[in-house]
Amino acid sequence: MAATNGTFQELIGPEAWRSLLATGSLRSFQPGRSILRQGELGGFLFAVESGRVKLLASAADGVQLVLTVRGGGHLIGELAGDSDGTRTASVVAIDRCTARFLTQADFDRFLYRHDLHGSFRRYVTGKFEQAVGRQVDLAHRRAVRRISRLLLDLVRLAPDGLPDARYIPFTQEELATALGMARSTVTDQLSKLRESGALAPGRQLVVADVDRLAEWAES
């Protein structure tokens, strides 16, 4: 079967996902809380139950760039599950998040019990393919496309129960830092998105038209 860029929950099905959640212990993280830190040892992972998280990589100058955004149904920390491995990225909660903590041994037993090693390999392969695509975007794509993709991910992964799922919980300065762009570049591109109707007018970042934003994300 081909690799997937979807969630682990979608790949293994709802019954197996419920079993995975039941295997782990519940943890809760407030917005801005660090869940995993780049460079730390592995040996465990999380199954995200609800909420959004951002994966960050520290550059040589100390700036943290956003690699991607994940939501409910995804695994985080699974690439450094081995206790000898180290985290290649930091993970920080965007919203209030709930996740299930699993040791690598717990997760290995789950995969064996449900015969899901092949599904797990496809999930990891899908993540690597997505990471390659992000690197291509970083090197070759227009700034407006990169900004639009991040905003689109944030909206599509918004958890249930938010007052406004289309509100973007980033300032312009945070977007510039996260994407490695000049503040002036981000300001110019956001103005372009507002003029097109993809973003609502005003100082706050609110998506007005998801379909139009998706068009920019593929431009």
N, C-alpha and C. Protein backbone atom coordinates (compact mmCIF):
# COMPACT_ATOMS: atom_id res chain seq x y z
N MET A 1 0.84 -1.20 0.00
CA MET A 1 0.00 0.00 0.00
C MET A 1 0.87 1.25 0.00
N ALA A 2 0.32 2.33 -0.50
CA ALA A 2 1.05 3.60 -0.56
C ALA A 2 1.16 4.20 0.83
N ALA A 3 2.09 5.14 0.96
CA ALA A 3 2.24 5.87 2.21
C ALA A 3 1.03 6.76 2.39
N THR A 4 0.88 7.23 3.62
CA THR A 4 -0.26 8.10 3.92
C THR A 4 0.24 9.39 4.54
N ASN A 5 -0.46 10.49 4.30
CA ASN A 5 -0.20 11.75 4.98
C ASN A 5 -1.31 12.06 5.97
N GLY A 6 -2.19 11.06 6.22
CA GLY A 6 -3.29 11.25 7.15
C GLY A 6 -2.86 10.95 8.58
N THR A 7 -3.85 10.84 9.47
CA THR A 7 -3.55 10.57 10.86
C THR A 7 -3.37 9.07 11.08
N PHE A 8 -2.73 8.74 12.18
CA PHE A 8 -2.59 7.33 12.54
C PHE A 8 -3.96 6.74 12.86
N GLN A 9 -4.83 7.53 13.44
CA GLN A 9 -6.18 7.08 13.74
C GLN A 9 -6.92 6.67 12.47
N GLU A 10 -6.83 7.49 11.43
CA GLU A 10 -7.48 7.16 10.15
C GLU A 10 -6.90 5.88 9.56
N LEU A 11 -5.61 5.69 9.74
CA LEU A 11 -4.94 4.55 9.12
C LEU A 11 -5.31 3.24 9.81
N ILE A 12 -5.42 3.23 11.13
CA ILE A 12 -5.65 1.97 11.84
C ILE A 12 -7.12 1.73 12.16
N GLY A 13 -7.95 2.76 12.04
CA GLY A 13 -9.38 2.60 12.30
C GLY A 13 -9.75 2.95 13.73
N PRO A 14 -11.04 3.26 13.95
CA PRO A 14 -11.46 3.76 15.27
C PRO A 14 -11.33 2.75 16.40
N GLU A 15 -11.56 1.47 16.12
CA GLU A 15 -11.48 0.48 17.19
C GLU A 15 -10.06 0.32 17.71
N ALA A 16 -9.11 0.19 16.79
CA ALA A 16 -7.71 0.07 17.21
C ALA A 16 -7.23 1.35 17.88
N TRP A 17 -7.68 2.50 17.38
CA TRP A 17 -7.28 3.78 18.00
C TRP A 17 -7.79 3.85 19.44
N ARG A 18 -9.02 3.44 19.69
CA ARG A 18 -9.55 3.43 21.07
C ARG A 18 -8.72 2.51 21.95
N SER A 19 -8.29 1.40 21.39
CA SER A 19 -7.44 0.48 22.15
C SER A 19 -6.11 1.11 22.48
N LEU A 20 -5.55 1.87 21.53
CA LEU A 20 -4.28 2.55 21.77
C LEU A 20 -4.43 3.57 22.89
N LEU A 21 -5.49 4.36 22.85
CA LEU A 21 -5.71 5.36 23.88
C LEU A 21 -5.87 4.71 25.25
N ALA A 22 -6.56 3.59 25.28
CA ALA A 22 -6.76 2.89 26.54
C ALA A 22 -5.46 2.34 27.10
N THR A 23 -4.48 2.09 26.22
CA THR A 23 -3.18 1.56 26.63
C THR A 23 -2.36 2.61 27.36
N GLY A 24 -2.52 3.88 26.96
CA GLY A 24 -1.69 4.94 27.52
C GLY A 24 -2.32 5.61 28.73
N SER A 25 -1.54 6.46 29.37
CA SER A 25 -2.03 7.24 30.52
C SER A 25 -2.29 8.67 30.08
N LEU A 26 -3.38 9.22 30.56
CA LEU A 26 -3.85 10.54 30.11
C LEU A 26 -2.95 11.65 30.63
N ARG A 27 -2.56 12.55 29.72
CA ARG A 27 -1.82 13.75 30.08
C ARG A 27 -2.53 14.95 29.46
N SER A 28 -2.46 16.09 30.13
CA SER A 28 -3.08 17.32 29.65
C SER A 28 -2.03 18.42 29.60
N PHE A 29 -2.09 19.25 28.55
CA PHE A 29 -1.10 20.30 28.36
C PHE A 29 -1.81 21.61 28.03
N GLN A 30 -1.46 22.67 28.73
CA GLN A 30 -2.03 23.98 28.48
C GLN A 30 -1.35 24.63 27.28
N PRO A 31 -2.00 25.62 26.63
CA PRO A 31 -1.38 26.31 25.49
C PRO A 31 -0.01 26.86 25.85
N GLY A 32 0.96 26.63 24.96
CA GLY A 32 2.32 27.10 25.19
C GLY A 32 3.21 26.16 25.97
N ARG A 33 2.64 25.07 26.46
CA ARG A 33 3.41 24.10 27.25
C ARG A 33 4.26 23.21 26.33
N SER A 34 5.51 23.00 26.70
CA SER A 34 6.38 22.09 25.96
C SER A 34 6.00 20.65 26.29
N ILE A 35 5.84 19.84 25.25
CA ILE A 35 5.50 18.43 25.42
C ILE A 35 6.74 17.58 25.22
N LEU A 36 7.52 17.89 24.19
CA LEU A 36 8.80 17.23 23.92
C LEU A 36 9.82 18.31 23.59
N ARG A 37 11.08 18.04 23.88
CA ARG A 37 12.14 19.01 23.60
C ARG A 37 13.21 18.40 22.70
N GLN A 38 13.59 19.17 21.70
CA GLN A 38 14.63 18.74 20.77
C GLN A 38 15.91 18.40 21.52
N GLY A 39 16.52 17.26 21.15
CA GLY A 39 17.78 16.84 21.76
C GLY A 39 17.63 15.95 22.97
N GLU A 40 16.44 15.89 23.57
CA GLU A 40 16.24 15.01 24.72
C GLU A 40 16.15 13.56 24.27
N LEU A 41 16.40 12.66 25.20
CA LEU A 41 16.32 11.23 24.90
C LEU A 41 14.88 10.79 24.70
N GLY A 42 14.73 9.73 23.89
CA GLY A 42 13.40 9.20 23.61
C GLY A 42 13.00 8.14 24.62
N GLY A 43 12.34 7.08 24.12
CA GLY A 43 11.89 6.02 25.01
C GLY A 43 10.40 6.03 25.27
N PHE A 44 9.71 7.08 24.76
CA PHE A 44 8.26 7.16 24.92
C PHE A 44 7.67 8.03 23.82
N LEU A 45 6.37 8.00 23.69
CA LEU A 45 5.66 8.79 22.68
C LEU A 45 4.29 9.15 23.20
N PHE A 46 3.58 9.97 22.42
CA PHE A 46 2.22 10.37 22.77
C PHE A 46 1.28 10.12 21.61
N ALA A 47 0.08 9.70 21.94
CA ALA A 47 -1.03 9.66 20.98
C ALA A 47 -1.91 10.86 21.29
N VAL A 48 -2.02 11.81 20.34
CA VAL A 48 -2.77 13.04 20.59
C VAL A 48 -4.27 12.75 20.49
N GLU A 49 -4.97 13.06 21.55
CA GLU A 49 -6.41 12.82 21.61
C GLU A 49 -7.19 14.04 21.10
N SER A 50 -6.80 15.22 21.55
CA SER A 50 -7.47 16.45 21.12
C SER A 50 -6.51 17.62 21.23
N GLY A 51 -6.79 18.68 20.45
CA GLY A 51 -5.95 19.86 20.47
C GLY A 51 -4.88 19.82 19.38
N ARG A 52 -4.27 21.00 19.15
CA ARG A 52 -3.22 21.14 18.14
C ARG A 52 -1.87 21.35 18.80
N VAL A 53 -0.84 20.82 18.15
CA VAL A 53 0.53 21.02 18.60
C VAL A 53 1.36 21.49 17.42
N LYS A 54 2.45 22.20 17.70
CA LYS A 54 3.38 22.61 16.64
C LYS A 54 4.72 21.95 16.88
N LEU A 55 5.32 21.47 15.81
CA LEU A 55 6.65 20.86 15.86
C LEU A 55 7.66 21.91 15.45
N LEU A 56 8.66 22.11 16.29
CA LEU A 56 9.64 23.18 16.10
C LEU A 56 11.05 22.61 16.02
N ALA A 57 11.85 23.17 15.12
CA ALA A 57 13.26 22.82 15.03
C ALA A 57 14.09 24.06 15.30
N SER A 58 15.09 23.93 16.14
CA SER A 58 15.95 25.07 16.48
C SER A 58 17.04 25.23 15.44
N ALA A 59 17.15 26.44 14.89
CA ALA A 59 18.22 26.75 13.94
C ALA A 59 19.50 27.08 14.71
N ALA A 60 20.59 27.22 13.96
CA ALA A 60 21.90 27.47 14.57
C ALA A 60 21.91 28.77 15.38
N ASP A 61 21.11 29.76 14.95
CA ASP A 61 21.08 31.04 15.66
C ASP A 61 20.08 31.05 16.80
N GLY A 62 19.47 29.88 17.09
CA GLY A 62 18.53 29.79 18.21
C GLY A 62 17.09 30.03 17.85
N VAL A 63 16.83 30.48 16.62
CA VAL A 63 15.45 30.70 16.18
C VAL A 63 14.76 29.35 15.98
N GLN A 64 13.51 29.26 16.44
CA GLN A 64 12.75 28.03 16.28
C GLN A 64 11.78 28.16 15.10
N LEU A 65 11.93 27.28 14.14
CA LEU A 65 11.09 27.28 12.95
C LEU A 65 10.01 26.21 13.08
N VAL A 66 8.81 26.52 12.63
CA VAL A 66 7.72 25.55 12.67
C VAL A 66 7.88 24.57 11.51
N LEU A 67 8.00 23.30 11.85
CA LEU A 67 8.09 22.26 10.83
C LEU A 67 6.72 21.88 10.31
N THR A 68 5.79 21.71 11.23
CA THR A 68 4.43 21.33 10.85
C THR A 68 3.52 21.48 12.06
N VAL A 69 2.23 21.29 11.84
CA VAL A 69 1.23 21.31 12.90
C VAL A 69 0.52 19.97 12.89
N ARG A 70 0.27 19.41 14.06
CA ARG A 70 -0.45 18.15 14.18
C ARG A 70 -1.67 18.33 15.07
N GLY A 71 -2.63 17.42 14.92
CA GLY A 71 -3.84 17.48 15.73
C GLY A 71 -4.23 16.11 16.24
N GLY A 72 -5.47 16.01 16.71
CA GLY A 72 -5.97 14.76 17.24
C GLY A 72 -5.86 13.63 16.23
N GLY A 73 -5.49 12.45 16.71
CA GLY A 73 -5.34 11.29 15.83
C GLY A 73 -3.92 11.02 15.40
N HIS A 74 -3.01 11.95 15.71
CA HIS A 74 -1.62 11.78 15.33
C HIS A 74 -0.78 11.24 16.49
N LEU A 75 0.36 10.68 16.15
CA LEU A 75 1.39 10.32 17.12
C LEU A 75 2.45 11.41 17.12
N ILE A 76 3.05 11.66 18.27
CA ILE A 76 4.20 12.55 18.35
C ILE A 76 5.27 11.88 19.20
N GLY A 77 6.51 12.02 18.75
CA GLY A 77 7.62 11.42 19.48
C GLY A 77 7.93 10.00 19.08
N GLU A 78 7.20 9.48 18.11
CA GLU A 78 7.39 8.06 17.74
C GLU A 78 8.69 7.82 16.98
N LEU A 79 9.29 8.86 16.41
CA LEU A 79 10.52 8.67 15.64
C LEU A 79 11.73 8.51 16.55
N ALA A 80 11.60 8.85 17.81
CA ALA A 80 12.69 8.66 18.78
C ALA A 80 12.17 7.80 19.92
N GLY A 81 11.39 6.79 19.56
CA GLY A 81 10.84 5.93 20.60
C GLY A 81 11.90 5.15 21.35
N ASP A 82 12.97 4.76 20.65
CA ASP A 82 14.07 4.04 21.28
C ASP A 82 14.72 4.94 22.33
N SER A 83 15.01 4.38 23.49
CA SER A 83 15.59 5.18 24.58
C SER A 83 16.97 5.72 24.24
N ASP A 84 17.63 5.13 23.22
CA ASP A 84 18.93 5.64 22.79
C ASP A 84 18.80 6.77 21.78
N GLY A 85 17.60 6.96 21.23
CA GLY A 85 17.38 8.01 20.24
C GLY A 85 17.16 9.36 20.89
N THR A 86 17.37 10.42 20.12
CA THR A 86 17.12 11.76 20.63
C THR A 86 16.06 12.45 19.78
N ARG A 87 15.37 13.38 20.40
CA ARG A 87 14.29 14.09 19.71
C ARG A 87 14.88 15.01 18.63
N THR A 88 14.32 14.94 17.44
CA THR A 88 14.79 15.79 16.35
C THR A 88 14.03 17.11 16.30
N ALA A 89 12.98 17.25 17.10
CA ALA A 89 12.19 18.48 17.12
C ALA A 89 11.55 18.64 18.49
N SER A 90 11.19 19.87 18.80
CA SER A 90 10.40 20.14 20.00
C SER A 90 8.93 20.16 19.62
N VAL A 91 8.08 19.85 20.59
CA VAL A 91 6.63 19.88 20.37
C VAL A 91 6.00 20.74 21.46
N VAL A 92 5.19 21.73 21.04
CA VAL A 92 4.57 22.67 21.96
C VAL A 92 3.07 22.71 21.70
N ALA A 93 2.28 22.74 22.75
CA ALA A 93 0.83 22.79 22.63
C ALA A 93 0.38 24.16 22.13
N ILE A 94 -0.51 24.15 21.16
CA ILE A 94 -1.12 25.40 20.67
C ILE A 94 -2.40 25.68 21.45
N ASP A 95 -3.22 24.66 21.60
CA ASP A 95 -4.45 24.74 22.39
C ASP A 95 -4.26 23.91 23.66
N ARG A 96 -5.30 23.85 24.47
CA ARG A 96 -5.28 22.85 25.55
C ARG A 96 -5.34 21.48 24.89
N CYS A 97 -4.36 20.66 25.14
CA CYS A 97 -4.25 19.36 24.48
C CYS A 97 -4.38 18.23 25.48
N THR A 98 -5.00 17.15 25.05
CA THR A 98 -4.97 15.91 25.80
C THR A 98 -4.29 14.86 24.94
N ALA A 99 -3.47 14.04 25.57
CA ALA A 99 -2.72 13.02 24.85
C ALA A 99 -2.49 11.84 25.78
N ARG A 100 -2.21 10.70 25.17
CA ARG A 100 -1.94 9.48 25.95
C ARG A 100 -0.45 9.17 25.90
N PHE A 101 0.15 9.06 27.08
CA PHE A 101 1.56 8.75 27.20
C PHE A 101 1.75 7.24 27.11
N LEU A 102 2.69 6.81 26.22
CA LEU A 102 3.00 5.40 26.10
C LEU A 102 4.52 5.21 26.09
N THR A 103 5.00 4.23 26.83
CA THR A 103 6.39 3.87 26.70
C THR A 103 6.57 3.16 25.36
N GLN A 104 7.81 3.08 24.89
CA GLN A 104 8.05 2.37 23.64
C GLN A 104 7.63 0.90 23.74
N ALA A 105 7.85 0.31 24.91
CA ALA A 105 7.46 -1.09 25.11
C ALA A 105 5.94 -1.25 25.01
N ASP A 106 5.20 -0.31 25.61
CA ASP A 106 3.73 -0.35 25.51
C ASP A 106 3.29 -0.28 24.05
N PHE A 107 3.91 0.63 23.30
CA PHE A 107 3.52 0.83 21.91
C PHE A 107 3.88 -0.39 21.07
N ASP A 108 5.06 -0.97 21.31
CA ASP A 108 5.46 -2.17 20.56
C ASP A 108 4.48 -3.31 20.81
N ARG A 109 4.06 -3.47 22.05
CA ARG A 109 3.09 -4.53 22.37
C ARG A 109 1.76 -4.27 21.68
N PHE A 110 1.35 -3.00 21.61
CA PHE A 110 0.10 -2.66 20.92
C PHE A 110 0.20 -3.02 19.44
N LEU A 111 1.30 -2.64 18.79
CA LEU A 111 1.47 -2.97 17.36
C LEU A 111 1.45 -4.48 17.14
N TYR A 112 2.10 -5.22 18.00
CA TYR A 112 2.14 -6.67 17.86
C TYR A 112 0.75 -7.28 18.07
N ARG A 113 0.06 -6.82 19.10
CA ARG A 113 -1.26 -7.38 19.44
C ARG A 113 -2.27 -7.17 18.32
N HIS A 114 -2.17 -6.03 17.62
CA HIS A 114 -3.13 -5.70 16.56
C HIS A 114 -2.57 -5.91 15.15
N ASP A 115 -1.34 -6.45 15.07
CA ASP A 115 -0.70 -6.69 13.77
C ASP A 115 -0.67 -5.41 12.93
N LEU A 116 -0.10 -4.35 13.51
CA LEU A 116 -0.13 -3.03 12.87
C LEU A 116 1.27 -2.49 12.54
N HIS A 117 2.27 -3.37 12.49
CA HIS A 117 3.61 -2.88 12.16
C HIS A 117 3.65 -2.28 10.75
N GLY A 118 2.96 -2.91 9.80
CA GLY A 118 2.93 -2.39 8.44
C GLY A 118 2.25 -1.04 8.38
N SER A 119 1.14 -0.88 9.11
CA SER A 119 0.44 0.40 9.14
C SER A 119 1.30 1.49 9.75
N PHE A 120 2.05 1.12 10.79
CA PHE A 120 2.93 2.10 11.42
C PHE A 120 4.03 2.54 10.46
N ARG A 121 4.59 1.61 9.70
CA ARG A 121 5.62 1.97 8.72
C ARG A 121 5.06 2.93 7.67
N ARG A 122 3.85 2.67 7.22
CA ARG A 122 3.24 3.57 6.22
C ARG A 122 3.00 4.95 6.81
N TYR A 123 2.61 5.00 8.06
CA TYR A 123 2.38 6.29 8.72
C TYR A 123 3.68 7.09 8.80
N VAL A 124 4.76 6.43 9.22
CA VAL A 124 6.05 7.11 9.34
C VAL A 124 6.55 7.54 7.96
N THR A 125 6.37 6.67 6.96
CA THR A 125 6.78 7.04 5.59
C THR A 125 6.02 8.27 5.11
N GLY A 126 4.74 8.31 5.40
CA GLY A 126 3.93 9.47 5.03
C GLY A 126 4.44 10.74 5.67
N LYS A 127 4.87 10.65 6.92
CA LYS A 127 5.42 11.83 7.60
C LYS A 127 6.71 12.30 6.93
N PHE A 128 7.57 11.35 6.56
CA PHE A 128 8.81 11.72 5.90
C PHE A 128 8.53 12.37 4.55
N GLU A 129 7.57 11.84 3.81
CA GLU A 129 7.22 12.43 2.52
C GLU A 129 6.70 13.85 2.70
N GLN A 130 5.90 14.05 3.74
CA GLN A 130 5.40 15.40 4.01
C GLN A 130 6.55 16.33 4.38
N ALA A 131 7.50 15.83 5.16
CA ALA A 131 8.64 16.66 5.56
C ALA A 131 9.46 17.08 4.34
N VAL A 132 9.62 16.17 3.38
CA VAL A 132 10.35 16.51 2.15
C VAL A 132 9.60 17.61 1.41
N GLY A 133 8.27 17.48 1.34
CA GLY A 133 7.47 18.51 0.68
C GLY A 133 7.62 19.86 1.35
N ARG A 134 7.71 19.86 2.68
CA ARG A 134 7.89 21.12 3.40
C ARG A 134 9.24 21.74 3.07
N GLN A 135 10.27 20.92 2.94
CA GLN A 135 11.58 21.43 2.61
C GLN A 135 11.59 22.05 1.21
N VAL A 136 10.87 21.43 0.28
CA VAL A 136 10.74 21.99 -1.07
C VAL A 136 10.05 23.35 -1.00
N ASP A 137 8.97 23.42 -0.21
CA ASP A 137 8.27 24.69 -0.04
C ASP A 137 9.22 25.76 0.50
N LEU A 138 10.01 25.37 1.51
CA LEU A 138 10.91 26.32 2.16
C LEU A 138 11.92 26.88 1.17
N ALA A 139 12.39 26.02 0.27
CA ALA A 139 13.46 26.43 -0.63
C ALA A 139 12.95 27.11 -1.91
N HIS A 140 11.77 26.70 -2.38
CA HIS A 140 11.37 27.09 -3.73
C HIS A 140 10.00 27.78 -3.85
N ARG A 141 9.16 27.69 -2.86
CA ARG A 141 7.80 28.21 -3.01
C ARG A 141 7.70 29.66 -2.56
N ARG A 142 6.68 30.33 -3.11
CA ARG A 142 6.46 31.73 -2.75
C ARG A 142 6.04 31.86 -1.29
N ALA A 143 6.34 33.01 -0.72
CA ALA A 143 6.04 33.25 0.69
C ALA A 143 4.54 33.11 0.96
N VAL A 144 3.70 33.58 0.04
CA VAL A 144 2.26 33.54 0.27
C VAL A 144 1.77 32.09 0.35
N ARG A 145 2.39 31.19 -0.41
CA ARG A 145 2.00 29.79 -0.36
C ARG A 145 2.37 29.17 0.99
N ARG A 146 3.57 29.45 1.46
CA ARG A 146 4.00 28.90 2.74
C ARG A 146 3.14 29.39 3.89
N ILE A 147 2.81 30.68 3.87
CA ILE A 147 1.95 31.24 4.92
C ILE A 147 0.56 30.61 4.85
N SER A 148 0.02 30.52 3.64
CA SER A 148 -1.32 29.98 3.47
C SER A 148 -1.41 28.53 3.93
N ARG A 149 -0.38 27.76 3.66
CA ARG A 149 -0.37 26.34 4.06
C ARG A 149 -0.41 26.21 5.58
N LEU A 150 0.36 27.04 6.26
CA LEU A 150 0.36 26.97 7.72
C LEU A 150 -1.00 27.38 8.28
N LEU A 151 -1.57 28.46 7.75
CA LEU A 151 -2.88 28.91 8.22
C LEU A 151 -3.95 27.85 7.95
N LEU A 152 -3.86 27.22 6.78
CA LEU A 152 -4.84 26.20 6.42
C LEU A 152 -4.73 24.99 7.35
N ASP A 153 -3.51 24.59 7.67
CA ASP A 153 -3.31 23.47 8.61
C ASP A 153 -3.93 23.81 9.97
N LEU A 154 -3.72 25.03 10.42
CA LEU A 154 -4.24 25.43 11.73
C LEU A 154 -5.76 25.37 11.77
N VAL A 155 -6.41 25.80 10.70
CA VAL A 155 -7.88 25.79 10.65
C VAL A 155 -8.40 24.36 10.54
N ARG A 156 -7.81 23.58 9.67
CA ARG A 156 -8.31 22.21 9.44
C ARG A 156 -8.12 21.31 10.66
N LEU A 157 -7.11 21.61 11.48
CA LEU A 157 -6.84 20.78 12.65
C LEU A 157 -7.44 21.35 13.93
N ALA A 158 -8.21 22.43 13.82
CA ALA A 158 -8.80 23.05 15.01
C ALA A 158 -9.70 22.05 15.73
N PRO A 159 -9.52 21.89 17.03
CA PRO A 159 -10.34 20.93 17.77
C PRO A 159 -11.78 21.43 17.97
N ASP A 160 -12.67 20.51 18.22
CA ASP A 160 -14.06 20.87 18.52
C ASP A 160 -14.11 21.68 19.81
N GLY A 161 -15.08 22.57 19.87
CA GLY A 161 -15.30 23.32 21.10
C GLY A 161 -14.62 24.67 21.16
N LEU A 162 -13.82 25.02 20.14
CA LEU A 162 -13.22 26.36 20.14
C LEU A 162 -14.28 27.41 19.85
N PRO A 163 -14.19 28.60 20.48
CA PRO A 163 -15.15 29.67 20.19
C PRO A 163 -15.18 30.04 18.71
N ASP A 164 -14.01 30.04 18.07
CA ASP A 164 -13.90 30.37 16.64
C ASP A 164 -12.77 29.56 16.04
N ALA A 165 -13.12 28.48 15.34
CA ALA A 165 -12.12 27.59 14.78
C ALA A 165 -11.29 28.26 13.69
N ARG A 166 -11.78 29.41 13.15
CA ARG A 166 -11.05 30.07 12.07
C ARG A 166 -10.10 31.15 12.57
N TYR A 167 -10.06 31.35 13.86
CA TYR A 167 -9.11 32.29 14.44
C TYR A 167 -7.72 31.65 14.46
N ILE A 168 -6.71 32.39 14.01
CA ILE A 168 -5.34 31.89 13.97
C ILE A 168 -4.59 32.35 15.23
N PRO A 169 -4.15 31.41 16.07
CA PRO A 169 -3.53 31.78 17.35
C PRO A 169 -2.06 32.16 17.22
N PHE A 170 -1.71 32.94 16.20
CA PHE A 170 -0.36 33.42 15.99
C PHE A 170 -0.43 34.92 15.73
N THR A 171 0.55 35.66 16.24
CA THR A 171 0.70 37.05 15.83
C THR A 171 1.53 37.10 14.54
N GLN A 172 1.56 38.27 13.90
CA GLN A 172 2.39 38.41 12.69
C GLN A 172 3.86 38.15 13.02
N GLU A 173 4.30 38.62 14.17
CA GLU A 173 5.69 38.40 14.58
C GLU A 173 5.97 36.91 14.77
N GLU A 174 5.03 36.20 15.37
CA GLU A 174 5.20 34.76 15.57
C GLU A 174 5.22 34.01 14.25
N LEU A 175 4.37 34.44 13.31
CA LEU A 175 4.38 33.82 11.99
C LEU A 175 5.72 34.04 11.30
N ALA A 176 6.23 35.25 11.38
CA ALA A 176 7.51 35.56 10.74
C ALA A 176 8.63 34.69 11.32
N THR A 177 8.68 34.59 12.63
CA THR A 177 9.70 33.78 13.28
C THR A 177 9.53 32.31 12.94
N ALA A 178 8.29 31.84 12.99
CA ALA A 178 8.00 30.42 12.75
C ALA A 178 8.38 29.99 11.34
N LEU A 179 8.22 30.88 10.37
CA LEU A 179 8.48 30.54 8.98
C LEU A 179 9.83 31.04 8.48
N GLY A 180 10.59 31.70 9.36
CA GLY A 180 11.90 32.19 8.96
C GLY A 180 11.82 33.31 7.94
N MET A 181 10.83 34.18 8.07
CA MET A 181 10.62 35.27 7.12
C MET A 181 10.79 36.62 7.82
N ALA A 182 11.02 37.64 7.02
CA ALA A 182 11.03 39.00 7.55
C ALA A 182 9.61 39.41 7.92
N ARG A 183 9.49 40.19 8.98
CA ARG A 183 8.17 40.66 9.42
C ARG A 183 7.47 41.40 8.28
N SER A 184 8.22 42.21 7.53
CA SER A 184 7.62 42.99 6.44
C SER A 184 7.05 42.07 5.35
N THR A 185 7.73 40.96 5.10
CA THR A 185 7.24 40.01 4.09
C THR A 185 5.92 39.41 4.53
N VAL A 186 5.84 39.00 5.79
CA VAL A 186 4.60 38.42 6.30
C VAL A 186 3.47 39.44 6.25
N THR A 187 3.76 40.68 6.64
CA THR A 187 2.73 41.73 6.61
C THR A 187 2.20 41.94 5.20
N ASP A 188 3.10 41.98 4.21
CA ASP A 188 2.69 42.17 2.81
C ASP A 188 1.83 41.01 2.33
N GLN A 189 2.21 39.80 2.66
CA GLN A 189 1.47 38.63 2.18
C GLN A 189 0.11 38.50 2.87
N LEU A 190 0.04 38.84 4.13
CA LEU A 190 -1.25 38.82 4.83
C LEU A 190 -2.21 39.87 4.24
N SER A 191 -1.66 41.02 3.85
CA SER A 191 -2.49 42.04 3.20
C SER A 191 -3.05 41.50 1.89
N LYS A 192 -2.24 40.77 1.16
CA LYS A 192 -2.68 40.17 -0.10
C LYS A 192 -3.82 39.17 0.15
N LEU A 193 -3.68 38.37 1.21
CA LEU A 193 -4.72 37.39 1.54
C LEU A 193 -6.01 38.07 1.99
N ARG A 194 -5.87 39.18 2.71
CA ARG A 194 -7.07 39.92 3.12
C ARG A 194 -7.77 40.54 1.91
N GLU A 195 -7.00 41.09 1.01
CA GLU A 195 -7.58 41.72 -0.18
C GLU A 195 -8.31 40.69 -1.06
N SER A 196 -7.83 39.46 -1.06
CA SER A 196 -8.47 38.41 -1.86
C SER A 196 -9.72 37.84 -1.20
N GLY A 197 -9.92 38.16 0.09
CA GLY A 197 -11.07 37.62 0.81
C GLY A 197 -10.78 36.33 1.55
N ALA A 198 -9.55 35.82 1.46
CA ALA A 198 -9.20 34.60 2.19
C ALA A 198 -9.15 34.85 3.69
N LEU A 199 -8.67 36.02 4.08
CA LEU A 199 -8.64 36.42 5.48
C LEU A 199 -9.62 37.56 5.71
N ALA A 200 -10.17 37.61 6.90
CA ALA A 200 -11.10 38.68 7.26
C ALA A 200 -10.32 39.97 7.49
N PRO A 201 -10.94 41.13 7.26
CA PRO A 201 -10.26 42.40 7.56
C PRO A 201 -10.06 42.58 9.05
N GLY A 202 -9.14 43.44 9.41
CA GLY A 202 -8.90 43.69 10.82
C GLY A 202 -7.51 43.23 11.23
N ARG A 203 -7.15 43.54 12.49
CA ARG A 203 -5.81 43.26 12.97
C ARG A 203 -5.62 41.79 13.34
N GLN A 204 -6.69 41.14 13.81
CA GLN A 204 -6.58 39.74 14.16
C GLN A 204 -6.53 38.87 12.91
N LEU A 205 -5.92 37.71 13.02
CA LEU A 205 -5.85 36.78 11.91
C LEU A 205 -7.02 35.81 11.99
N VAL A 206 -7.97 35.99 11.09
CA VAL A 206 -9.17 35.14 11.04
C VAL A 206 -9.40 34.73 9.60
N VAL A 207 -9.54 33.45 9.35
CA VAL A 207 -9.80 32.95 8.01
C VAL A 207 -11.26 33.20 7.66
N ALA A 208 -11.48 33.90 6.54
CA ALA A 208 -12.84 34.21 6.09
C ALA A 208 -13.35 33.20 5.07
N ASP A 209 -12.46 32.67 4.25
CA ASP A 209 -12.86 31.77 3.17
C ASP A 209 -11.81 30.66 3.07
N VAL A 210 -12.16 29.47 3.59
CA VAL A 210 -11.21 28.35 3.61
C VAL A 210 -10.86 27.90 2.20
N ASP A 211 -11.84 27.88 1.31
CA ASP A 211 -11.58 27.43 -0.07
C ASP A 211 -10.61 28.37 -0.78
N ARG A 212 -10.80 29.66 -0.57
CA ARG A 212 -9.89 30.62 -1.21
C ARG A 212 -8.49 30.52 -0.62
N LEU A 213 -8.41 30.30 0.69
CA LEU A 213 -7.10 30.11 1.32
C LEU A 213 -6.43 28.85 0.77
N ALA A 214 -7.21 27.80 0.52
CA ALA A 214 -6.66 26.57 -0.05
C ALA A 214 -6.11 26.81 -1.45
N GLU A 215 -6.74 27.66 -2.20
CA GLU A 215 -6.24 28.01 -3.54
C GLU A 215 -4.87 28.69 -3.43
N TRP A 216 -4.73 29.59 -2.48
CA TRP A 216 -3.43 30.25 -2.26
C TRP A 216 -2.37 29.23 -1.82
N ALA A 217 -2.80 28.26 -1.02
CA ALA A 217 -1.87 27.26 -0.49
C ALA A 217 -1.33 26.36 -1.59
N GLU A 218 -2.02 26.30 -2.73
CA GLU A 218 -1.58 25.47 -3.85
C GLU A 218 -1.05 26.31 -5.00
N SER A 219 -0.98 27.63 -4.81
CA SER A 219 -0.57 28.52 -5.90
C SER A 219 0.93 28.45 -6.17
